[in-house]
Amino acid sequence: DHPFAGDIDTTLHGVPESYRTTVPASLH
């Protein structure tokens, strides 16, 4: 679960509700 699940803005770039609990990551 994301520590900031309630603060994720799902209006940006198609961010889905699932990102609150199933968090994608990348490595730059």
mmCIF file of all heavy atoms, coordinates in Angstrom:
data_MODEL
# 
_entry.id   MODEL 
# 
loop_
_atom_site.group_PDB 
_atom_site.id 
_atom_site.type_symbol 
_atom_site.label_atom_id 
_atom_site.label_alt_id 
_atom_site.label_comp_id 
_atom_site.label_asym_id 
_atom_site.label_entity_id 
_atom_site.label_seq_id 
_atom_site.pdbx_PDB_ins_code 
_atom_site.Cartn_x 
_atom_site.Cartn_y 
_atom_site.Cartn_z 
_atom_site.occupancy 
_atom_site.B_iso_or_equiv 
_atom_site.pdbx_formal_charge 
_atom_site.auth_seq_id 
_atom_site.auth_comp_id 
_atom_site.auth_asym_id 
_atom_site.auth_atom_id 
_atom_site.pdbx_PDB_model_num 
ATOM 1   N N   . ASP A 1 1  ? 0.831   -1.201 0.000   1.00 0.00 ? 1  ASP A N   1 
ATOM 2   C CA  . ASP A 1 1  ? 0.000   0.000  0.000   1.00 0.00 ? 1  ASP A CA  1 
ATOM 3   C C   . ASP A 1 1  ? 0.869   1.255  0.000   1.00 0.00 ? 1  ASP A C   1 
ATOM 4   O O   . ASP A 1 1  ? 1.930   1.306  0.637   1.00 0.00 ? 1  ASP A O   1 
ATOM 5   C CB  . ASP A 1 1  ? -0.899  0.023  1.239   1.00 0.00 ? 1  ASP A CB  1 
ATOM 6   C CG  . ASP A 1 1  ? -1.971  -1.045 1.190   1.00 0.00 ? 1  ASP A CG  1 
ATOM 7   O OD1 . ASP A 1 1  ? -2.132  -1.691 0.131   1.00 0.00 ? 1  ASP A OD1 1 
ATOM 8   O OD2 . ASP A 1 1  ? -2.648  -1.251 2.212   1.00 0.00 ? 1  ASP A OD2 1 
ATOM 9   N N   . HIS A 1 2  ? 0.387   2.272  -0.678  1.00 0.00 ? 2  HIS A N   1 
ATOM 10  C CA  . HIS A 1 2  ? 1.136   3.525  -0.742  1.00 0.00 ? 2  HIS A CA  1 
ATOM 11  C C   . HIS A 1 2  ? 0.946   4.310  0.555   1.00 0.00 ? 2  HIS A C   1 
ATOM 12  O O   . HIS A 1 2  ? -0.183  4.457  1.041   1.00 0.00 ? 2  HIS A O   1 
ATOM 13  C CB  . HIS A 1 2  ? 0.671   4.372  -1.921  1.00 0.00 ? 2  HIS A CB  1 
ATOM 14  C CG  . HIS A 1 2  ? 1.728   5.309  -2.415  1.00 0.00 ? 2  HIS A CG  1 
ATOM 15  N ND1 . HIS A 1 2  ? 2.264   6.320  -1.636  1.00 0.00 ? 2  HIS A ND1 1 
ATOM 16  C CD2 . HIS A 1 2  ? 2.377   5.372  -3.611  1.00 0.00 ? 2  HIS A CD2 1 
ATOM 17  C CE1 . HIS A 1 2  ? 3.180   6.949  -2.325  1.00 0.00 ? 2  HIS A CE1 1 
ATOM 18  N NE2 . HIS A 1 2  ? 3.278   6.405  -3.523  1.00 0.00 ? 2  HIS A NE2 1 
ATOM 19  N N   . PRO A 1 3  ? 2.030   4.833  1.165   1.00 0.00 ? 3  PRO A N   1 
ATOM 20  C CA  . PRO A 1 3  ? 1.875   5.672  2.364   1.00 0.00 ? 3  PRO A CA  1 
ATOM 21  C C   . PRO A 1 3  ? 1.008   6.889  2.128   1.00 0.00 ? 3  PRO A C   1 
ATOM 22  O O   . PRO A 1 3  ? 0.435   7.437  3.072   1.00 0.00 ? 3  PRO A O   1 
ATOM 23  C CB  . PRO A 1 3  ? 3.312   6.075  2.704   1.00 0.00 ? 3  PRO A CB  1 
ATOM 24  C CG  . PRO A 1 3  ? 4.169   5.032  2.077   1.00 0.00 ? 3  PRO A CG  1 
ATOM 25  C CD  . PRO A 1 3  ? 3.449   4.621  0.829   1.00 0.00 ? 3  PRO A CD  1 
ATOM 26  N N   . PHE A 1 4  ? 0.883   7.330  0.873   1.00 0.00 ? 4  PHE A N   1 
ATOM 27  C CA  . PHE A 1 4  ? 0.087   8.512  0.548   1.00 0.00 ? 4  PHE A CA  1 
ATOM 28  C C   . PHE A 1 4  ? -1.090  8.150  -0.341  1.00 0.00 ? 4  PHE A C   1 
ATOM 29  O O   . PHE A 1 4  ? -1.443  8.896  -1.265  1.00 0.00 ? 4  PHE A O   1 
ATOM 30  C CB  . PHE A 1 4  ? 0.973   9.574  -0.131  1.00 0.00 ? 4  PHE A CB  1 
ATOM 31  C CG  . PHE A 1 4  ? 2.226   9.889  0.637   1.00 0.00 ? 4  PHE A CG  1 
ATOM 32  C CD1 . PHE A 1 4  ? 3.470   9.677  0.081   1.00 0.00 ? 4  PHE A CD1 1 
ATOM 33  C CD2 . PHE A 1 4  ? 2.158   10.374 1.933   1.00 0.00 ? 4  PHE A CD2 1 
ATOM 34  C CE1 . PHE A 1 4  ? 4.626   9.963  0.789   1.00 0.00 ? 4  PHE A CE1 1 
ATOM 35  C CE2 . PHE A 1 4  ? 3.301   10.661 2.647   1.00 0.00 ? 4  PHE A CE2 1 
ATOM 36  C CZ  . PHE A 1 4  ? 4.549   10.455 2.075   1.00 0.00 ? 4  PHE A CZ  1 
ATOM 37  N N   . ALA A 1 5  ? -1.710  7.022  -0.057  1.00 0.00 ? 5  ALA A N   1 
ATOM 38  C CA  . ALA A 1 5  ? -2.795  6.526  -0.912  1.00 0.00 ? 5  ALA A CA  1 
ATOM 39  C C   . ALA A 1 5  ? -3.894  7.559  -1.089  1.00 0.00 ? 5  ALA A C   1 
ATOM 40  O O   . ALA A 1 5  ? -4.430  7.744  -2.188  1.00 0.00 ? 5  ALA A O   1 
ATOM 41  C CB  . ALA A 1 5  ? -3.366  5.238  -0.320  1.00 0.00 ? 5  ALA A CB  1 
ATOM 42  N N   . GLY A 1 6  ? -4.246  8.276  -0.018  1.00 0.00 ? 6  GLY A N   1 
ATOM 43  C CA  . GLY A 1 6  ? -5.333  9.242  -0.120  1.00 0.00 ? 6  GLY A CA  1 
ATOM 44  C C   . GLY A 1 6  ? -4.962  10.528 -0.815  1.00 0.00 ? 6  GLY A C   1 
ATOM 45  O O   . GLY A 1 6  ? -5.837  11.341 -1.134  1.00 0.00 ? 6  GLY A O   1 
ATOM 46  N N   . ASP A 1 7  ? -3.670  10.742 -1.070  1.00 0.00 ? 7  ASP A N   1 
ATOM 47  C CA  . ASP A 1 7  ? -3.215  11.997 -1.681  1.00 0.00 ? 7  ASP A CA  1 
ATOM 48  C C   . ASP A 1 7  ? -2.918  11.875 -3.165  1.00 0.00 ? 7  ASP A C   1 
ATOM 49  O O   . ASP A 1 7  ? -2.533  12.856 -3.806  1.00 0.00 ? 7  ASP A O   1 
ATOM 50  C CB  . ASP A 1 7  ? -1.945  12.479 -0.966  1.00 0.00 ? 7  ASP A CB  1 
ATOM 51  C CG  . ASP A 1 7  ? -2.192  12.772 0.501   1.00 0.00 ? 7  ASP A CG  1 
ATOM 52  O OD1 . ASP A 1 7  ? -3.246  13.345 0.809   1.00 0.00 ? 7  ASP A OD1 1 
ATOM 53  O OD2 . ASP A 1 7  ? -1.342  12.408 1.332   1.00 0.00 ? 7  ASP A OD2 1 
ATOM 54  N N   . ILE A 1 8  ? -3.061  10.679 -3.728  1.00 0.00 ? 8  ILE A N   1 
ATOM 55  C CA  . ILE A 1 8  ? -2.777  10.491 -5.140  1.00 0.00 ? 8  ILE A CA  1 
ATOM 56  C C   . ILE A 1 8  ? -3.906  11.084 -5.977  1.00 0.00 ? 8  ILE A C   1 
ATOM 57  O O   . ILE A 1 8  ? -5.081  10.828 -5.734  1.00 0.00 ? 8  ILE A O   1 
ATOM 58  C CB  . ILE A 1 8  ? -2.581  8.996  -5.447  1.00 0.00 ? 8  ILE A CB  1 
ATOM 59  C CG1 . ILE A 1 8  ? -1.273  8.503  -4.814  1.00 0.00 ? 8  ILE A CG1 1 
ATOM 60  C CG2 . ILE A 1 8  ? -2.594  8.730  -6.940  1.00 0.00 ? 8  ILE A CG2 1 
ATOM 61  C CD1 . ILE A 1 8  ? -1.067  7.017  -4.925  1.00 0.00 ? 8  ILE A CD1 1 
ATOM 62  N N   . ASP A 1 9  ? -3.540  11.914 -6.947  1.00 0.00 ? 9  ASP A N   1 
ATOM 63  C CA  . ASP A 1 9  ? -4.507  12.584 -7.811  1.00 0.00 ? 9  ASP A CA  1 
ATOM 64  C C   . ASP A 1 9  ? -4.740  11.716 -9.040  1.00 0.00 ? 9  ASP A C   1 
ATOM 65  O O   . ASP A 1 9  ? -3.866  11.601 -9.908  1.00 0.00 ? 9  ASP A O   1 
ATOM 66  C CB  . ASP A 1 9  ? -3.979  13.967 -8.210  1.00 0.00 ? 9  ASP A CB  1 
ATOM 67  C CG  . ASP A 1 9  ? -5.022  14.809 -8.936  1.00 0.00 ? 9  ASP A CG  1 
ATOM 68  O OD1 . ASP A 1 9  ? -5.944  14.227 -9.543  1.00 0.00 ? 9  ASP A OD1 1 
ATOM 69  O OD2 . ASP A 1 9  ? -4.904  16.054 -8.904  1.00 0.00 ? 9  ASP A OD2 1 
ATOM 70  N N   . THR A 1 10 ? -5.917  11.105 -9.122  1.00 0.00 ? 10 THR A N   1 
ATOM 71  C CA  . THR A 1 10 ? -6.214  10.184 -10.212 1.00 0.00 ? 10 THR A CA  1 
ATOM 72  C C   . THR A 1 10 ? -6.697  10.902 -11.470 1.00 0.00 ? 10 THR A C   1 
ATOM 73  O O   . THR A 1 10 ? -7.090  10.249 -12.438 1.00 0.00 ? 10 THR A O   1 
ATOM 74  C CB  . THR A 1 10 ? -7.266  9.149  -9.773  1.00 0.00 ? 10 THR A CB  1 
ATOM 75  O OG1 . THR A 1 10 ? -8.432  9.831  -9.318  1.00 0.00 ? 10 THR A OG1 1 
ATOM 76  C CG2 . THR A 1 10 ? -6.725  8.269  -8.665  1.00 0.00 ? 10 THR A CG2 1 
ATOM 77  N N   . THR A 1 11 ? -6.652  12.242 -11.464 1.00 0.00 ? 11 THR A N   1 
ATOM 78  C CA  . THR A 1 11 ? -6.980  12.978 -12.687 1.00 0.00 ? 11 THR A CA  1 
ATOM 79  C C   . THR A 1 11 ? -5.746  13.224 -13.544 1.00 0.00 ? 11 THR A C   1 
ATOM 80  O O   . THR A 1 11 ? -5.869  13.758 -14.653 1.00 0.00 ? 11 THR A O   1 
ATOM 81  C CB  . THR A 1 11 ? -7.632  14.330 -12.357 1.00 0.00 ? 11 THR A CB  1 
ATOM 82  O OG1 . THR A 1 11 ? -6.655  15.215 -11.763 1.00 0.00 ? 11 THR A OG1 1 
ATOM 83  C CG2 . THR A 1 11 ? -8.815  14.159 -11.411 1.00 0.00 ? 11 THR A CG2 1 
ATOM 84  N N   . LEU A 1 12 ? -4.567  12.859 -13.068 1.00 0.00 ? 12 LEU A N   1 
ATOM 85  C CA  . LEU A 1 12 ? -3.328  13.139 -13.796 1.00 0.00 ? 12 LEU A CA  1 
ATOM 86  C C   . LEU A 1 12 ? -2.889  11.928 -14.611 1.00 0.00 ? 12 LEU A C   1 
ATOM 87  O O   . LEU A 1 12 ? -2.692  10.834 -14.059 1.00 0.00 ? 12 LEU A O   1 
ATOM 88  C CB  . LEU A 1 12 ? -2.195  13.501 -12.822 1.00 0.00 ? 12 LEU A CB  1 
ATOM 89  C CG  . LEU A 1 12 ? -2.417  14.687 -11.892 1.00 0.00 ? 12 LEU A CG  1 
ATOM 90  C CD1 . LEU A 1 12 ? -1.155  14.945 -11.073 1.00 0.00 ? 12 LEU A CD1 1 
ATOM 91  C CD2 . LEU A 1 12 ? -2.801  15.932 -12.665 1.00 0.00 ? 12 LEU A CD2 1 
ATOM 92  N N   . HIS A 1 13 ? -2.761  12.081 -15.922 1.00 0.00 ? 13 HIS A N   1 
ATOM 93  C CA  . HIS A 1 13 ? -2.111  11.099 -16.791 1.00 0.00 ? 13 HIS A CA  1 
ATOM 94  C C   . HIS A 1 13 ? -2.693  9.697  -16.667 1.00 0.00 ? 13 HIS A C   1 
ATOM 95  O O   . HIS A 1 13 ? -1.959  8.703  -16.734 1.00 0.00 ? 13 HIS A O   1 
ATOM 96  C CB  . HIS A 1 13 ? -0.609  11.061 -16.508 1.00 0.00 ? 13 HIS A CB  1 
ATOM 97  C CG  . HIS A 1 13 ? 0.079   12.365 -16.777 1.00 0.00 ? 13 HIS A CG  1 
ATOM 98  N ND1 . HIS A 1 13 ? 0.222   12.881 -18.044 1.00 0.00 ? 13 HIS A ND1 1 
ATOM 99  C CD2 . HIS A 1 13 ? 0.629   13.266 -15.932 1.00 0.00 ? 13 HIS A CD2 1 
ATOM 100 C CE1 . HIS A 1 13 ? 0.854   14.039 -17.977 1.00 0.00 ? 13 HIS A CE1 1 
ATOM 101 N NE2 . HIS A 1 13 ? 1.103   14.295 -16.704 1.00 0.00 ? 13 HIS A NE2 1 
ATOM 102 N N   . GLY A 1 14 ? -3.981  9.594  -16.438 1.00 0.00 ? 14 GLY A N   1 
ATOM 103 C CA  . GLY A 1 14 ? -4.589  8.276  -16.384 1.00 0.00 ? 14 GLY A CA  1 
ATOM 104 C C   . GLY A 1 14 ? -4.217  7.463  -15.172 1.00 0.00 ? 14 GLY A C   1 
ATOM 105 O O   . GLY A 1 14 ? -4.317  6.230  -15.185 1.00 0.00 ? 14 GLY A O   1 
ATOM 106 N N   . VAL A 1 15 ? -3.791  8.111  -14.091 1.00 0.00 ? 15 VAL A N   1 
ATOM 107 C CA  . VAL A 1 15 ? -3.453  7.386  -12.863 1.00 0.00 ? 15 VAL A CA  1 
ATOM 108 C C   . VAL A 1 15 ? -4.710  6.700  -12.339 1.00 0.00 ? 15 VAL A C   1 
ATOM 109 O O   . VAL A 1 15 ? -5.698  7.361  -12.025 1.00 0.00 ? 15 VAL A O   1 
ATOM 110 C CB  . VAL A 1 15 ? -2.873  8.350  -11.804 1.00 0.00 ? 15 VAL A CB  1 
ATOM 111 C CG1 . VAL A 1 15 ? -2.750  7.659  -10.448 1.00 0.00 ? 15 VAL A CG1 1 
ATOM 112 C CG2 . VAL A 1 15 ? -1.521  8.887  -12.261 1.00 0.00 ? 15 VAL A CG2 1 
ATOM 113 N N   . PRO A 1 16 ? -4.718  5.384  -12.213 1.00 0.00 ? 16 PRO A N   1 
ATOM 114 C CA  . PRO A 1 16 ? -5.933  4.691  -11.777 1.00 0.00 ? 16 PRO A CA  1 
ATOM 115 C C   . PRO A 1 16 ? -6.015  4.598  -10.252 1.00 0.00 ? 16 PRO A C   1 
ATOM 116 O O   . PRO A 1 16 ? -5.032  4.784  -9.530  1.00 0.00 ? 16 PRO A O   1 
ATOM 117 C CB  . PRO A 1 16 ? -5.770  3.295  -12.385 1.00 0.00 ? 16 PRO A CB  1 
ATOM 118 C CG  . PRO A 1 16 ? -4.298  3.083  -12.422 1.00 0.00 ? 16 PRO A CG  1 
ATOM 119 C CD  . PRO A 1 16 ? -3.684  4.445  -12.670 1.00 0.00 ? 16 PRO A CD  1 
ATOM 120 N N   . GLU A 1 17 ? -7.183  4.289  -9.750  1.00 0.00 ? 17 GLU A N   1 
ATOM 121 C CA  . GLU A 1 17 ? -7.385  4.093  -8.319  1.00 0.00 ? 17 GLU A CA  1 
ATOM 122 C C   . GLU A 1 17 ? -6.476  2.995  -7.771  1.00 0.00 ? 17 GLU A C   1 
ATOM 123 O O   . GLU A 1 17 ? -6.063  3.032  -6.607  1.00 0.00 ? 17 GLU A O   1 
ATOM 124 C CB  . GLU A 1 17 ? -8.850  3.733  -8.045  1.00 0.00 ? 17 GLU A CB  1 
ATOM 125 C CG  . GLU A 1 17 ? -9.839  4.857  -8.276  1.00 0.00 ? 17 GLU A CG  1 
ATOM 126 C CD  . GLU A 1 17 ? -9.788  5.909  -7.170  1.00 0.00 ? 17 GLU A CD  1 
ATOM 127 O OE1 . GLU A 1 17 ? -9.318  5.585  -6.056  1.00 0.00 ? 17 GLU A OE1 1 
ATOM 128 O OE2 . GLU A 1 17 ? -10.200 7.047  -7.429  1.00 0.00 ? 17 GLU A OE2 1 
ATOM 129 N N   . SER A 1 18 ? -6.142  2.025  -8.596  1.00 0.00 ? 18 SER A N   1 
ATOM 130 C CA  . SER A 1 18 ? -5.346  0.887  -8.131  1.00 0.00 ? 18 SER A CA  1 
ATOM 131 C C   . SER A 1 18 ? -3.954  1.293  -7.664  1.00 0.00 ? 18 SER A C   1 
ATOM 132 O O   . SER A 1 18 ? -3.312  0.554  -6.911  1.00 0.00 ? 18 SER A O   1 
ATOM 133 C CB  . SER A 1 18 ? -5.224  -0.159 -9.244  1.00 0.00 ? 18 SER A CB  1 
ATOM 134 O OG  . SER A 1 18 ? -4.542  0.375  -10.364 1.00 0.00 ? 18 SER A OG  1 
ATOM 135 N N   . TYR A 1 19 ? -3.468  2.478  -8.109  1.00 0.00 ? 19 TYR A N   1 
ATOM 136 C CA  . TYR A 1 19 ? -2.131  2.908  -7.689  1.00 0.00 ? 19 TYR A CA  1 
ATOM 137 C C   . TYR A 1 19 ? -2.062  3.150  -6.175  1.00 0.00 ? 19 TYR A C   1 
ATOM 138 O O   . TYR A 1 19 ? -0.966  3.202  -5.615  1.00 0.00 ? 19 TYR A O   1 
ATOM 139 C CB  . TYR A 1 19 ? -1.744  4.194  -8.405  1.00 0.00 ? 19 TYR A CB  1 
ATOM 140 C CG  . TYR A 1 19 ? -1.212  4.026  -9.809  1.00 0.00 ? 19 TYR A CG  1 
ATOM 141 C CD1 . TYR A 1 19 ? -1.439  2.855  -10.522 1.00 0.00 ? 19 TYR A CD1 1 
ATOM 142 C CD2 . TYR A 1 19 ? -0.505  5.042  -10.438 1.00 0.00 ? 19 TYR A CD2 1 
ATOM 143 C CE1 . TYR A 1 19 ? -0.974  2.710  -11.821 1.00 0.00 ? 19 TYR A CE1 1 
ATOM 144 C CE2 . TYR A 1 19 ? -0.027  4.904  -11.731 1.00 0.00 ? 19 TYR A CE2 1 
ATOM 145 C CZ  . TYR A 1 19 ? -0.267  3.740  -12.425 1.00 0.00 ? 19 TYR A CZ  1 
ATOM 146 O OH  . TYR A 1 19 ? 0.200   3.595  -13.708 1.00 0.00 ? 19 TYR A OH  1 
ATOM 147 N N   . ARG A 1 20 ? -3.191  3.293  -5.533  1.00 0.00 ? 20 ARG A N   1 
ATOM 148 C CA  . ARG A 1 20 ? -3.176  3.507  -4.084  1.00 0.00 ? 20 ARG A CA  1 
ATOM 149 C C   . ARG A 1 20 ? -2.721  2.249  -3.333  1.00 0.00 ? 20 ARG A C   1 
ATOM 150 O O   . ARG A 1 20 ? -2.104  2.344  -2.259  1.00 0.00 ? 20 ARG A O   1 
ATOM 151 C CB  . ARG A 1 20 ? -4.563  3.918  -3.592  1.00 0.00 ? 20 ARG A CB  1 
ATOM 152 C CG  . ARG A 1 20 ? -5.148  5.139  -4.297  1.00 0.00 ? 20 ARG A CG  1 
ATOM 153 C CD  . ARG A 1 20 ? -6.476  5.543  -3.673  1.00 0.00 ? 20 ARG A CD  1 
ATOM 154 N NE  . ARG A 1 20 ? -7.230  6.451  -4.514  1.00 0.00 ? 20 ARG A NE  1 
ATOM 155 C CZ  . ARG A 1 20 ? -7.040  7.767  -4.583  1.00 0.00 ? 20 ARG A CZ  1 
ATOM 156 N NH1 . ARG A 1 20 ? -6.090  8.317  -3.841  1.00 0.00 ? 20 ARG A NH1 1 
ATOM 157 N NH2 . ARG A 1 20 ? -7.786  8.522  -5.372  1.00 0.00 ? 20 ARG A NH2 1 
ATOM 158 N N   . THR A 1 21 ? -2.990  1.083  -3.894  1.00 0.00 ? 21 THR A N   1 
ATOM 159 C CA  . THR A 1 21 ? -2.662  -0.171 -3.216  1.00 0.00 ? 21 THR A CA  1 
ATOM 160 C C   . THR A 1 21 ? -1.736  -1.065 -4.029  1.00 0.00 ? 21 THR A C   1 
ATOM 161 O O   . THR A 1 21 ? -1.070  -1.933 -3.475  1.00 0.00 ? 21 THR A O   1 
ATOM 162 C CB  . THR A 1 21 ? -3.947  -0.955 -2.901  1.00 0.00 ? 21 THR A CB  1 
ATOM 163 O OG1 . THR A 1 21 ? -4.718  -1.112 -4.096  1.00 0.00 ? 21 THR A OG1 1 
ATOM 164 C CG2 . THR A 1 21 ? -4.786  -0.209 -1.863  1.00 0.00 ? 21 THR A CG2 1 
ATOM 165 N N   . THR A 1 22 ? -1.721  -0.879 -5.336  1.00 0.00 ? 22 THR A N   1 
ATOM 166 C CA  . THR A 1 22 ? -0.824  -1.631 -6.222  1.00 0.00 ? 22 THR A CA  1 
ATOM 167 C C   . THR A 1 22 ? 0.065   -0.610 -6.915  1.00 0.00 ? 22 THR A C   1 
ATOM 168 O O   . THR A 1 22 ? -0.286  -0.069 -7.967  1.00 0.00 ? 22 THR A O   1 
ATOM 169 C CB  . THR A 1 22 ? -1.627  -2.447 -7.253  1.00 0.00 ? 22 THR A CB  1 
ATOM 170 O OG1 . THR A 1 22 ? -2.572  -3.266 -6.566  1.00 0.00 ? 22 THR A OG1 1 
ATOM 171 C CG2 . THR A 1 22 ? -0.698  -3.326 -8.082  1.00 0.00 ? 22 THR A CG2 1 
ATOM 172 N N   . VAL A 1 23 ? 1.192   -0.313 -6.309  1.00 0.00 ? 23 VAL A N   1 
ATOM 173 C CA  . VAL A 1 23 ? 1.983   0.874  -6.660  1.00 0.00 ? 23 VAL A CA  1 
ATOM 174 C C   . VAL A 1 23 ? 3.032   0.519  -7.712  1.00 0.00 ? 23 VAL A C   1 
ATOM 175 O O   . VAL A 1 23 ? 3.938   -0.288 -7.447  1.00 0.00 ? 23 VAL A O   1 
ATOM 176 C CB  . VAL A 1 23 ? 2.682   1.449  -5.420  1.00 0.00 ? 23 VAL A CB  1 
ATOM 177 C CG1 . VAL A 1 23 ? 3.417   2.737  -5.775  1.00 0.00 ? 23 VAL A CG1 1 
ATOM 178 C CG2 . VAL A 1 23 ? 1.672   1.688  -4.299  1.00 0.00 ? 23 VAL A CG2 1 
ATOM 179 N N   . PRO A 1 24 ? 2.965   1.097  -8.908  1.00 0.00 ? 24 PRO A N   1 
ATOM 180 C CA  . PRO A 1 24 ? 4.028   0.865  -9.884  1.00 0.00 ? 24 PRO A CA  1 
ATOM 181 C C   . PRO A 1 24 ? 5.271   1.650  -9.499  1.00 0.00 ? 24 PRO A C   1 
ATOM 182 O O   . PRO A 1 24 ? 5.217   2.620  -8.747  1.00 0.00 ? 24 PRO A O   1 
ATOM 183 C CB  . PRO A 1 24 ? 3.413   1.398  -11.185 1.00 0.00 ? 24 PRO A CB  1 
ATOM 184 C CG  . PRO A 1 24 ? 2.489   2.477  -10.732 1.00 0.00 ? 24 PRO A CG  1 
ATOM 185 C CD  . PRO A 1 24 ? 1.935   2.022  -9.407  1.00 0.00 ? 24 PRO A CD  1 
ATOM 186 N N   . ALA A 1 25 ? 6.395   1.208  -10.019 1.00 0.00 ? 25 ALA A N   1 
ATOM 187 C CA  . ALA A 1 25 ? 7.665   1.887  -9.755  1.00 0.00 ? 25 ALA A CA  1 
ATOM 188 C C   . ALA A 1 25 ? 8.503   1.865  -11.027 1.00 0.00 ? 25 ALA A C   1 
ATOM 189 O O   . ALA A 1 25 ? 8.247   1.090  -11.949 1.00 0.00 ? 25 ALA A O   1 
ATOM 190 C CB  . ALA A 1 25 ? 8.413   1.220  -8.605  1.00 0.00 ? 25 ALA A CB  1 
ATOM 191 N N   . SER A 1 26 ? 9.483   2.740  -11.053 1.00 0.00 ? 26 SER A N   1 
ATOM 192 C CA  . SER A 1 26 ? 10.468  2.731  -12.131 1.00 0.00 ? 26 SER A CA  1 
ATOM 193 C C   . SER A 1 26 ? 11.822  3.032  -11.500 1.00 0.00 ? 26 SER A C   1 
ATOM 194 O O   . SER A 1 26 ? 11.901  3.458  -10.347 1.00 0.00 ? 26 SER A O   1 
ATOM 195 C CB  . SER A 1 26 ? 10.130  3.762  -13.209 1.00 0.00 ? 26 SER A CB  1 
ATOM 196 O OG  . SER A 1 26 ? 10.265  5.079  -12.699 1.00 0.00 ? 26 SER A OG  1 
ATOM 197 N N   . LEU A 1 27 ? 12.875  2.827  -12.261 1.00 0.00 ? 27 LEU A N   1 
ATOM 198 C CA  . LEU A 1 27 ? 14.220  3.095  -11.759 1.00 0.00 ? 27 LEU A CA  1 
ATOM 199 C C   . LEU A 1 27 ? 14.938  3.977  -12.764 1.00 0.00 ? 27 LEU A C   1 
ATOM 200 O O   . LEU A 1 27 ? 15.277  3.537  -13.864 1.00 0.00 ? 27 LEU A O   1 
ATOM 201 C CB  . LEU A 1 27 ? 14.994  1.791  -11.547 1.00 0.00 ? 27 LEU A CB  1 
ATOM 202 C CG  . LEU A 1 27 ? 16.439  1.966  -11.070 1.00 0.00 ? 27 LEU A CG  1 
ATOM 203 C CD1 . LEU A 1 27 ? 16.482  2.565  -9.669  1.00 0.00 ? 27 LEU A CD1 1 
ATOM 204 C CD2 . LEU A 1 27 ? 17.180  0.624  -11.104 1.00 0.00 ? 27 LEU A CD2 1 
ATOM 205 N N   . HIS A 1 28 ? 15.150  5.234  -12.380 1.00 0.00 ? 28 HIS A N   1 
ATOM 206 C CA  . HIS A 1 28 ? 15.897  6.168  -13.227 1.00 0.00 ? 28 HIS A CA  1 
ATOM 207 C C   . HIS A 1 28 ? 17.240  6.453  -12.576 1.00 0.00 ? 28 HIS A C   1 
ATOM 208 O O   . HIS A 1 28 ? 17.294  6.870  -11.419 1.00 0.00 ? 28 HIS A O   1 
ATOM 209 C CB  . HIS A 1 28 ? 15.115  7.474  -13.396 1.00 0.00 ? 28 HIS A CB  1 
ATOM 210 C CG  . HIS A 1 28 ? 15.914  8.566  -14.053 1.00 0.00 ? 28 HIS A CG  1 
ATOM 211 N ND1 . HIS A 1 28 ? 16.565  8.399  -15.261 1.00 0.00 ? 28 HIS A ND1 1 
ATOM 212 C CD2 . HIS A 1 28 ? 16.181  9.855  -13.655 1.00 0.00 ? 28 HIS A CD2 1 
ATOM 213 C CE1 . HIS A 1 28 ? 17.178  9.533  -15.590 1.00 0.00 ? 28 HIS A CE1 1 
ATOM 214 N NE2 . HIS A 1 28 ? 16.982  10.410 -14.623 1.00 0.00 ? 28 HIS A NE2 1 
# 
